[in-house]
Amino acid sequence: MTISRKSRQPNLSKIDVHDLLRQRRQIGIIWSIEDVQAVRPDLTDDQAWKVLQESERHLDCELGLTWDSIEYAADDLFPISAASRRSRP
């Protein structure tokens, strides 16, 4: 990780999160807005980000984050009609 002399803030564009975790002998599971949009392709990037944030707030430490929990959060925040639900895969 590099730190700018001017701001003393880390240059986040050069941080390798996987390398940092490996050094600490930790793992991290990363979910993206694209994962949310795989479940709910009708959501915008901003809506998908809100779903991820909501999912993290209600994370079940025994179950972790699942496709179902992503779908539940998305449906709770951005309900879809019954007709649209029937046409979903």
PDB file of N, CA and C in Angstrom:
ATOM      1  N   MET A   1       0.861  -1.167   0.000  1.00  0.00           N
ATOM      2  CA  MET A   1       0.000   0.000   0.000  1.00  0.00           C
ATOM      3  C   MET A   1       0.901   1.221   0.000  1.00  0.00           C
ATOM      4  N   THR A   2       0.606   2.167  -0.879  1.00  0.00           N
ATOM      5  CA  THR A   2       1.373   3.410  -0.919  1.00  0.00           C
ATOM      6  C   THR A   2       0.589   4.519  -0.247  1.00  0.00           C
ATOM      7  N   ILE A   3       1.341   5.448   0.356  1.00  0.00           N
ATOM      8  CA  ILE A   3       0.701   6.583   1.020  1.00  0.00           C
ATOM      9  C   ILE A   3       1.241   7.857   0.396  1.00  0.00           C
ATOM     10  N   SER A   4       0.360   8.733   0.006  1.00  0.00           N
ATOM     11  CA  SER A   4       0.734  10.008  -0.586  1.00  0.00           C
ATOM     12  C   SER A   4       1.391  10.891   0.472  1.00  0.00           C
ATOM     13  N   ARG A   5       2.495  11.527   0.114  1.00  0.00           N
ATOM     14  CA  ARG A   5       3.174  12.413   1.064  1.00  0.00           C
ATOM     15  C   ARG A   5       2.326  13.628   1.406  1.00  0.00           C
ATOM     16  N   LYS A   6       1.568  14.122   0.450  1.00  0.00           N
ATOM     17  CA  LYS A   6       0.756  15.320   0.692  1.00  0.00           C
ATOM     18  C   LYS A   6      -0.363  15.059   1.687  1.00  0.00           C
ATOM     19  N   SER A   7      -1.139  14.032   1.438  1.00  0.00           N
ATOM     20  CA  SER A   7      -2.348  13.831   2.239  1.00  0.00           C
ATOM     21  C   SER A   7      -2.181  12.809   3.365  1.00  0.00           C
ATOM     22  N   ARG A   8      -1.148  12.006   3.293  1.00  0.00           N
ATOM     23  CA  ARG A   8      -0.948  10.932   4.267  1.00  0.00           C
ATOM     24  C   ARG A   8      -2.083   9.914   4.239  1.00  0.00           C
ATOM     25  N   GLN A   9      -2.838   9.913   3.155  1.00  0.00           N
ATOM     26  CA  GLN A   9      -3.915   8.953   2.969  1.00  0.00           C
ATOM     27  C   GLN A   9      -3.430   7.850   2.035  1.00  0.00           C
ATOM     28  N   PRO A  10      -3.846   6.600   2.265  1.00  0.00           N
ATOM     29  CA  PRO A  10      -3.432   5.524   1.366  1.00  0.00           C
ATOM     30  C   PRO A  10      -4.018   5.736  -0.027  1.00  0.00           C
ATOM     31  N   ASN A  11      -3.243   5.372  -1.040  1.00  0.00           N
ATOM     32  CA  ASN A  11      -3.715   5.421  -2.422  1.00  0.00           C
ATOM     33  C   ASN A  11      -4.554   4.165  -2.643  1.00  0.00           C
ATOM     34  N   LEU A  12      -5.850   4.305  -2.535  1.00  0.00           N
ATOM     35  CA  LEU A  12      -6.750   3.151  -2.578  1.00  0.00           C
ATOM     36  C   LEU A  12      -6.742   2.431  -3.910  1.00  0.00           C
ATOM     37  N   SER A  13      -6.340   3.112  -4.984  1.00  0.00           N
ATOM     38  CA  SER A  13      -6.333   2.460  -6.289  1.00  0.00           C
ATOM     39  C   SER A  13      -5.237   1.403  -6.386  1.00  0.00           C
ATOM     40  N   LYS A  14      -4.281   1.414  -5.455  1.00  0.00           N
ATOM     41  CA  LYS A  14      -3.186   0.452  -5.504  1.00  0.00           C
ATOM     42  C   LYS A  14      -3.281  -0.618  -4.422  1.00  0.00           C
ATOM     43  N   ILE A  15      -4.370  -0.647  -3.671  1.00  0.00           N
ATOM     44  CA  ILE A  15      -4.524  -1.640  -2.616  1.00  0.00           C
ATOM     45  C   ILE A  15      -5.047  -2.937  -3.226  1.00  0.00           C
ATOM     46  N   ASP A  16      -4.374  -4.028  -2.910  1.00  0.00           N
ATOM     47  CA  ASP A  16      -4.826  -5.361  -3.312  1.00  0.00           C
ATOM     48  C   ASP A  16      -5.436  -6.021  -2.086  1.00  0.00           C
ATOM     49  N   VAL A  17      -6.754  -6.000  -2.006  1.00  0.00           N
ATOM     50  CA  VAL A  17      -7.444  -6.501  -0.822  1.00  0.00           C
ATOM     51  C   VAL A  17      -7.127  -7.976  -0.562  1.00  0.00           C
ATOM     52  N   HIS A  18      -6.981  -8.752  -1.625  1.00  0.00           N
ATOM     53  CA  HIS A  18      -6.691 -10.169  -1.453  1.00  0.00           C
ATOM     54  C   HIS A  18      -5.279 -10.376  -0.888  1.00  0.00           C
ATOM     55  N   ASP A  19      -4.346  -9.548  -1.315  1.00  0.00           N
ATOM     56  CA  ASP A  19      -2.991  -9.627  -0.780  1.00  0.00           C
ATOM     57  C   ASP A  19      -2.969  -9.238   0.697  1.00  0.00           C
ATOM     58  N   LEU A  20      -3.687  -8.183   1.053  1.00  0.00           N
ATOM     59  CA  LEU A  20      -3.750  -7.771   2.458  1.00  0.00           C
ATOM     60  C   LEU A  20      -4.342  -8.877   3.332  1.00  0.00           C
ATOM     61  N   LEU A  21      -5.398  -9.498   2.857  1.00  0.00           N
ATOM     62  CA  LEU A  21      -6.019 -10.590   3.616  1.00  0.00           C
ATOM     63  C   LEU A  21      -5.066 -11.774   3.737  1.00  0.00           C
ATOM     64  N   ARG A  22      -4.389 -12.099   2.644  1.00  0.00           N
ATOM     65  CA  ARG A  22      -3.448 -13.218   2.663  1.00  0.00           C
ATOM     66  C   ARG A  22      -2.348 -12.975   3.702  1.00  0.00           C
ATOM     67  N   GLN A  23      -1.852 -11.744   3.760  1.00  0.00           N
ATOM     68  CA  GLN A  23      -0.806 -11.407   4.736  1.00  0.00           C
ATOM     69  C   GLN A  23      -1.298 -11.597   6.172  1.00  0.00           C
ATOM     70  N   ARG A  24      -2.571 -11.353   6.390  1.00  0.00           N
ATOM     71  CA  ARG A  24      -3.144 -11.486   7.734  1.00  0.00           C
ATOM     72  C   ARG A  24      -3.741 -12.865   7.977  1.00  0.00           C
ATOM     73  N   ARG A  25      -3.597 -13.754   6.967  1.00  0.00           N
ATOM     74  CA  ARG A  25      -4.176 -15.101   7.018  1.00  0.00           C
ATOM     75  C   ARG A  25      -5.679 -15.039   7.269  1.00  0.00           C
ATOM     76  N   GLN A  26      -6.319 -14.212   6.466  1.00  0.00           N
ATOM     77  CA  GLN A  26      -7.766 -14.036   6.525  1.00  0.00           C
ATOM     78  C   GLN A  26      -8.341 -14.236   5.128  1.00  0.00           C
ATOM     79  N   ILE A  27      -9.633 -14.469   5.083  1.00  0.00           N
ATOM     80  CA  ILE A  27     -10.339 -14.530   3.808  1.00  0.00           C
ATOM     81  C   ILE A  27     -11.475 -13.521   3.831  1.00  0.00           C
ATOM     82  N   GLY A  28     -11.924 -13.160   2.692  1.00  0.00           N
ATOM     83  CA  GLY A  28     -13.078 -12.280   2.573  1.00  0.00           C
ATOM     84  C   GLY A  28     -13.872 -12.687   1.348  1.00  0.00           C
ATOM     85  N   ILE A  29     -15.151 -12.749   1.507  1.00  0.00           N
ATOM     86  CA  ILE A  29     -16.028 -13.077   0.389  1.00  0.00           C
ATOM     87  C   ILE A  29     -16.594 -11.758  -0.120  1.00  0.00           C
ATOM     88  N   ILE A  30     -16.433 -11.526  -1.398  1.00  0.00           N
ATOM     89  CA  ILE A  30     -16.822 -10.243  -1.969  1.00  0.00           C
ATOM     90  C   ILE A  30     -18.020 -10.435  -2.895  1.00  0.00           C
ATOM     91  N   TRP A  31     -19.045  -9.645  -2.646  1.00  0.00           N
ATOM     92  CA  TRP A  31     -20.231  -9.619  -3.495  1.00  0.00           C
ATOM     93  C   TRP A  31     -20.257  -8.265  -4.186  1.00  0.00           C
ATOM     94  N   SER A  32     -20.731  -8.257  -5.399  1.00  0.00           N
ATOM     95  CA  SER A  32     -20.754  -7.014  -6.180  1.00  0.00           C
ATOM     96  C   SER A  32     -22.172  -6.691  -6.643  1.00  0.00           C
ATOM     97  N   ILE A  33     -22.309  -5.495  -7.181  1.00  0.00           N
ATOM     98  CA  ILE A  33     -23.621  -5.125  -7.716  1.00  0.00           C
ATOM     99  C   ILE A  33     -24.007  -6.044  -8.872  1.00  0.00           C
ATOM    100  N   GLU A  34     -23.015  -6.572  -9.571  1.00  0.00           N
ATOM    101  CA  GLU A  34     -23.308  -7.501 -10.664  1.00  0.00           C
ATOM    102  C   GLU A  34     -23.955  -8.778 -10.130  1.00  0.00           C
ATOM    103  N   ASP A  35     -23.550  -9.197  -8.938  1.00  0.00           N
ATOM    104  CA  ASP A  35     -24.179 -10.376  -8.320  1.00  0.00           C
ATOM    105  C   ASP A  35     -25.646 -10.094  -8.012  1.00  0.00           C
ATOM    106  N   VAL A  36     -25.912  -8.913  -7.486  1.00  0.00           N
ATOM    107  CA  VAL A  36     -27.299  -8.528  -7.198  1.00  0.00           C
ATOM    108  C   VAL A  36     -28.102  -8.487  -8.491  1.00  0.00           C
ATOM    109  N   GLN A  37     -27.515  -7.924  -9.523  1.00  0.00           N
ATOM    110  CA  GLN A  37     -28.221  -7.793 -10.795  1.00  0.00           C
ATOM    111  C   GLN A  37     -28.402  -9.136 -11.495  1.00  0.00           C
ATOM    112  N   ALA A  38     -27.645 -10.151 -11.105  1.00  0.00           N
ATOM    113  CA  ALA A  38     -27.888 -11.499 -11.636  1.00  0.00           C
ATOM    114  C   ALA A  38     -29.209 -12.040 -11.101  1.00  0.00           C
ATOM    115  N   VAL A  39     -29.557 -11.640  -9.871  1.00  0.00           N
ATOM    116  CA  VAL A  39     -30.823 -12.037  -9.255  1.00  0.00           C
ATOM    117  C   VAL A  39     -31.945 -11.111  -9.699  1.00  0.00           C
ATOM    118  N   ARG A  40     -31.637  -9.823  -9.759  1.00  0.00           N
ATOM    119  CA  ARG A  40     -32.634  -8.805 -10.125  1.00  0.00           C
ATOM    120  C   ARG A  40     -32.063  -7.888 -11.204  1.00  0.00           C
ATOM    121  N   PRO A  41     -32.103  -8.342 -12.469  1.00  0.00           N
ATOM    122  CA  PRO A  41     -31.537  -7.553 -13.565  1.00  0.00           C
ATOM    123  C   PRO A  41     -32.246  -6.217 -13.806  1.00  0.00           C
ATOM    124  N   ASP A  42     -33.416  -6.043 -13.196  1.00  0.00           N
ATOM    125  CA  ASP A  42     -34.162  -4.801 -13.364  1.00  0.00           C
ATOM    126  C   ASP A  42     -33.606  -3.661 -12.504  1.00  0.00           C
ATOM    127  N   LEU A  43     -32.700  -3.954 -11.590  1.00  0.00           N
ATOM    128  CA  LEU A  43     -32.195  -2.923 -10.684  1.00  0.00           C
ATOM    129  C   LEU A  43     -31.046  -2.143 -11.310  1.00  0.00           C
ATOM    130  N   THR A  44     -31.001  -0.865 -10.996  1.00  0.00           N
ATOM    131  CA  THR A  44     -29.890  -0.017 -11.440  1.00  0.00           C
ATOM    132  C   THR A  44     -28.668  -0.313 -10.578  1.00  0.00           C
ATOM    133  N   ASP A  45     -27.528   0.223 -10.961  1.00  0.00           N
ATOM    134  CA  ASP A  45     -26.319   0.061 -10.155  1.00  0.00           C
ATOM    135  C   ASP A  45     -26.523   0.622  -8.747  1.00  0.00           C
ATOM    136  N   ASP A  46     -27.133   1.788  -8.644  1.00  0.00           N
ATOM    137  CA  ASP A  46     -27.373   2.401  -7.330  1.00  0.00           C
ATOM    138  C   ASP A  46     -28.324   1.561  -6.481  1.00  0.00           C
ATOM    139  N   GLN A  47     -29.367   1.031  -7.098  1.00  0.00           N
ATOM    140  CA  GLN A  47     -30.298   0.177  -6.360  1.00  0.00           C
ATOM    141  C   GLN A  47     -29.607  -1.103  -5.903  1.00  0.00           C
ATOM    142  N   ALA A  48     -28.800  -1.688  -6.765  1.00  0.00           N
ATOM    143  CA  ALA A  48     -28.076  -2.911  -6.409  1.00  0.00           C
ATOM    144  C   ALA A  48     -27.107  -2.644  -5.258  1.00  0.00           C
ATOM    145  N   TRP A  49     -26.463  -1.478  -5.245  1.00  0.00           N
ATOM    146  CA  TRP A  49     -25.574  -1.117  -4.150  1.00  0.00           C
ATOM    147  C   TRP A  49     -26.351  -1.001  -2.836  1.00  0.00           C
ATOM    148  N   LYS A  50     -27.544  -0.435  -2.900  1.00  0.00           N
ATOM    149  CA  LYS A  50     -28.377  -0.343  -1.697  1.00  0.00           C
ATOM    150  C   LYS A  50     -28.758  -1.736  -1.190  1.00  0.00           C
ATOM    151  N   VAL A  51     -29.006  -2.655  -2.094  1.00  0.00           N
ATOM    152  CA  VAL A  51     -29.326  -4.031  -1.709  1.00  0.00           C
ATOM    153  C   VAL A  51     -28.128  -4.665  -0.994  1.00  0.00           C
ATOM    154  N   LEU A  52     -26.921  -4.454  -1.513  1.00  0.00           N
ATOM    155  CA  LEU A  52     -25.734  -4.995  -0.855  1.00  0.00           C
ATOM    156  C   LEU A  52     -25.559  -4.412   0.541  1.00  0.00           C
ATOM    157  N   GLN A  53     -25.760  -3.111   0.668  1.00  0.00           N
ATOM    158  CA  GLN A  53     -25.620  -2.467   1.972  1.00  0.00           C
ATOM    159  C   GLN A  53     -26.654  -3.002   2.963  1.00  0.00           C
ATOM    160  N   GLU A  54     -27.878  -3.159   2.503  1.00  0.00           N
ATOM    161  CA  GLU A  54     -28.940  -3.690   3.356  1.00  0.00           C
ATOM    162  C   GLU A  54     -28.646  -5.143   3.745  1.00  0.00           C
ATOM    163  N   SER A  55     -28.147  -5.906   2.797  1.00  0.00           N
ATOM    164  CA  SER A  55     -27.800  -7.298   3.063  1.00  0.00           C
ATOM    165  C   SER A  55     -26.700  -7.398   4.110  1.00  0.00           C
ATOM    166  N   GLU A  56     -25.744  -6.509   4.037  1.00  0.00           N
ATOM    167  CA  GLU A  56     -24.660  -6.505   5.026  1.00  0.00           C
ATOM    168  C   GLU A  56     -25.181  -6.144   6.415  1.00  0.00           C
ATOM    169  N   ARG A  57     -26.096  -5.186   6.475  1.00  0.00           N
ATOM    170  CA  ARG A  57     -26.663  -4.785   7.768  1.00  0.00           C
ATOM    171  C   ARG A  57     -27.405  -5.932   8.455  1.00  0.00           C
ATOM    172  N   HIS A  58     -27.989  -6.808   7.660  1.00  0.00           N
ATOM    173  CA  HIS A  58     -28.791  -7.904   8.214  1.00  0.00           C
ATOM    174  C   HIS A  58     -28.110  -9.264   8.033  1.00  0.00           C
ATOM    175  N   LEU A  59     -26.803  -9.241   7.924  1.00  0.00           N
ATOM    176  CA  LEU A  59     -26.038 -10.460   7.697  1.00  0.00           C
ATOM    177  C   LEU A  59     -26.222 -11.449   8.846  1.00  0.00           C
ATOM    178  N   ASP A  60     -26.527 -12.676   8.510  1.00  0.00           N
ATOM    179  CA  ASP A  60     -26.657 -13.751   9.491  1.00  0.00           C
ATOM    180  C   ASP A  60     -25.293 -14.422   9.614  1.00  0.00           C
ATOM    181  N   CYS A  61     -24.661 -14.299  10.767  1.00  0.00           N
ATOM    182  CA  CYS A  61     -23.297 -14.808  10.925  1.00  0.00           C
ATOM    183  C   CYS A  61     -23.223 -16.332  10.849  1.00  0.00           C
ATOM    184  N   GLU A  62     -24.333 -17.021  11.000  1.00  0.00           N
ATOM    185  CA  GLU A  62     -24.317 -18.475  10.873  1.00  0.00           C
ATOM    186  C   GLU A  62     -24.534 -18.930   9.440  1.00  0.00           C
ATOM    187  N   LEU A  63     -25.294 -18.164   8.676  1.00  0.00           N
ATOM    188  CA  LEU A  63     -25.584 -18.536   7.288  1.00  0.00           C
ATOM    189  C   LEU A  63     -24.754 -17.767   6.273  1.00  0.00           C
ATOM    190  N   GLY A  64     -24.267 -16.602   6.657  1.00  0.00           N
ATOM    191  CA  GLY A  64     -23.538 -15.766   5.716  1.00  0.00           C
ATOM    192  C   GLY A  64     -24.492 -15.085   4.746  1.00  0.00           C
ATOM    193  N   LEU A  65     -23.954 -14.633   3.653  1.00  0.00           N
ATOM    194  CA  LEU A  65     -24.755 -13.999   2.613  1.00  0.00           C
ATOM    195  C   LEU A  65     -25.076 -15.053   1.565  1.00  0.00           C
ATOM    196  N   THR A  66     -26.322 -15.138   1.182  1.00  0.00           N
ATOM    197  CA  THR A  66     -26.743 -16.149   0.201  1.00  0.00           C
ATOM    198  C   THR A  66     -27.504 -15.473  -0.927  1.00  0.00           C
ATOM    199  N   TRP A  67     -27.690 -16.233  -1.994  1.00  0.00           N
ATOM    200  CA  TRP A  67     -28.499 -15.716  -3.099  1.00  0.00           C
ATOM    201  C   TRP A  67     -29.901 -15.382  -2.610  1.00  0.00           C
ATOM    202  N   ASP A  68     -30.426 -16.212  -1.725  1.00  0.00           N
ATOM    203  CA  ASP A  68     -31.764 -15.962  -1.186  1.00  0.00           C
ATOM    204  C   ASP A  68     -31.799 -14.669  -0.383  1.00  0.00           C
ATOM    205  N   SER A  69     -30.786 -14.434   0.459  1.00  0.00           N
ATOM    206  CA  SER A  69     -30.800 -13.206   1.265  1.00  0.00           C
ATOM    207  C   SER A  69     -30.666 -11.973   0.380  1.00  0.00           C
ATOM    208  N   ILE A  70     -29.910 -12.085  -0.706  1.00  0.00           N
ATOM    209  CA  ILE A  70     -29.812 -10.981  -1.674  1.00  0.00           C
ATOM    210  C   ILE A  70     -31.189 -10.736  -2.296  1.00  0.00           C
ATOM    211  N   GLU A  71     -31.844 -11.811  -2.704  1.00  0.00           N
ATOM    212  CA  GLU A  71     -33.162 -11.683  -3.324  1.00  0.00           C
ATOM    213  C   GLU A  71     -34.185 -11.091  -2.349  1.00  0.00           C
ATOM    214  N   TYR A  72     -34.167 -11.550  -1.102  1.00  0.00           N
ATOM    215  CA  TYR A  72     -35.109 -11.026  -0.104  1.00  0.00           C
ATOM    216  C   TYR A  72     -34.889  -9.529   0.117  1.00  0.00           C
ATOM    217  N   ALA A  73     -33.632  -9.126   0.236  1.00  0.00           N
ATOM    218  CA  ALA A  73     -33.331  -7.704   0.454  1.00  0.00           C
ATOM    219  C   ALA A  73     -33.772  -6.884  -0.749  1.00  0.00           C
ATOM    220  N   ALA A  74     -33.506  -7.391  -1.945  1.00  0.00           N
ATOM    221  CA  ALA A  74     -33.902  -6.674  -3.162  1.00  0.00           C
ATOM    222  C   ALA A  74     -35.417  -6.537  -3.239  1.00  0.00           C
ATOM    223  N   ASP A  75     -36.119  -7.626  -2.950  1.00  0.00           N
ATOM    224  CA  ASP A  75     -37.576  -7.594  -3.013  1.00  0.00           C
ATOM    225  C   ASP A  75     -38.174  -6.700  -1.933  1.00  0.00           C
ATOM    226  N   ASP A  76     -37.516  -6.649  -0.779  1.00  0.00           N
ATOM    227  CA  ASP A  76     -37.987  -5.790   0.299  1.00  0.00           C
ATOM    228  C   ASP A  76     -37.803  -4.309  -0.059  1.00  0.00           C
ATOM    229  N   LEU A  77     -36.635  -3.978  -0.594  1.00  0.00           N
ATOM    230  CA  LEU A  77     -36.344  -2.584  -0.936  1.00  0.00           C
ATOM    231  C   LEU A  77     -37.036  -2.138  -2.221  1.00  0.00           C
ATOM    232  N   PHE A  78     -37.091  -3.053  -3.183  1.00  0.00           N
ATOM    233  CA  PHE A  78     -37.633  -2.716  -4.502  1.00  0.00           C
ATOM    234  C   PHE A  78     -38.611  -3.798  -4.942  1.00  0.00           C
ATOM    235  N   PRO A  79     -39.826  -3.764  -4.370  1.00  0.00           N
ATOM    236  CA  PRO A  79     -40.816  -4.803  -4.674  1.00  0.00           C
ATOM    237  C   PRO A  79     -41.117  -4.884  -6.172  1.00  0.00           C
ATOM    238  N   ILE A  80     -41.406  -6.099  -6.607  1.00  0.00           N
ATOM    239  CA  ILE A  80     -41.827  -6.295  -7.997  1.00  0.00           C
ATOM    240  C   ILE A  80     -43.240  -6.846  -7.991  1.00  0.00           C
ATOM    241  N   SER A  81     -43.926  -6.643  -9.079  1.00  0.00           N
ATOM    242  CA  SER A  81     -45.322  -7.071  -9.157  1.00  0.00           C
ATOM    243  C   SER A  81     -45.415  -8.591  -9.228  1.00  0.00           C
ATOM    244  N   ALA A  82     -46.571  -9.131  -8.886  1.00  0.00           N
ATOM    245  CA  ALA A  82     -46.797 -10.577  -8.938  1.00  0.00           C
ATOM    246  C   ALA A  82     -46.638 -11.094 -10.366  1.00  0.00           C
ATOM    247  N   ALA A  83     -47.093 -10.321 -11.345  1.00  0.00           N
ATOM    248  CA  ALA A  83     -46.964 -10.738 -12.747  1.00  0.00           C
ATOM    249  C   ALA A  83     -45.501 -10.842 -13.153  1.00  0.00           C
ATOM    250  N   SER A  84     -44.695  -9.888 -12.713  1.00  0.00           N
ATOM    251  CA  SER A  84     -43.269  -9.931 -13.033  1.00  0.00           C
ATOM    252  C   SER A  84     -42.598 -11.101 -12.324  1.00  0.00           C
ATOM    253  N   ARG A  85     -43.021 -11.370 -11.112  1.00  0.00           N
ATOM    254  CA  ARG A  85     -42.421 -12.479 -10.346  1.00  0.00           C
ATOM    255  C   ARG A  85     -42.658 -13.817 -11.046  1.00  0.00           C
ATOM    256  N   ARG A  86     -43.885 -14.003 -11.609  1.00  0.00           N
ATOM    257  CA  ARG A  86     -44.190 -15.265 -12.289  1.00  0.00           C
ATOM    258  C   ARG A  86     -43.308 -15.465 -13.498  1.00  0.00           C
ATOM    259  N   SER A  87     -42.877 -14.395 -14.139  1.00  0.00           N
ATOM    260  CA  SER A  87     -42.070 -14.518 -15.340  1.00  0.00           C
ATOM    261  C   SER A  87     -40.579 -14.649 -15.034  1.00  0.00           C
ATOM    262  N   ARG A  88     -40.185 -14.496 -13.745  1.00  0.00           N
ATOM    263  CA  ARG A  88     -38.774 -14.640 -13.378  1.00  0.00           C
ATOM    264  C   ARG A  88     -38.378 -16.094 -13.402  1.00  0.00           C
ATOM    265  N   PRO A  89     -37.122 -16.355 -13.771  1.00  0.00           N
ATOM    266  CA  PRO A  89     -36.639 -17.764 -13.810  1.00  0.00           C
ATOM    267  C   PRO A  89     -36.589 -18.383 -12.445  1.00  0.00           C
TER     268      PRO A  89
END
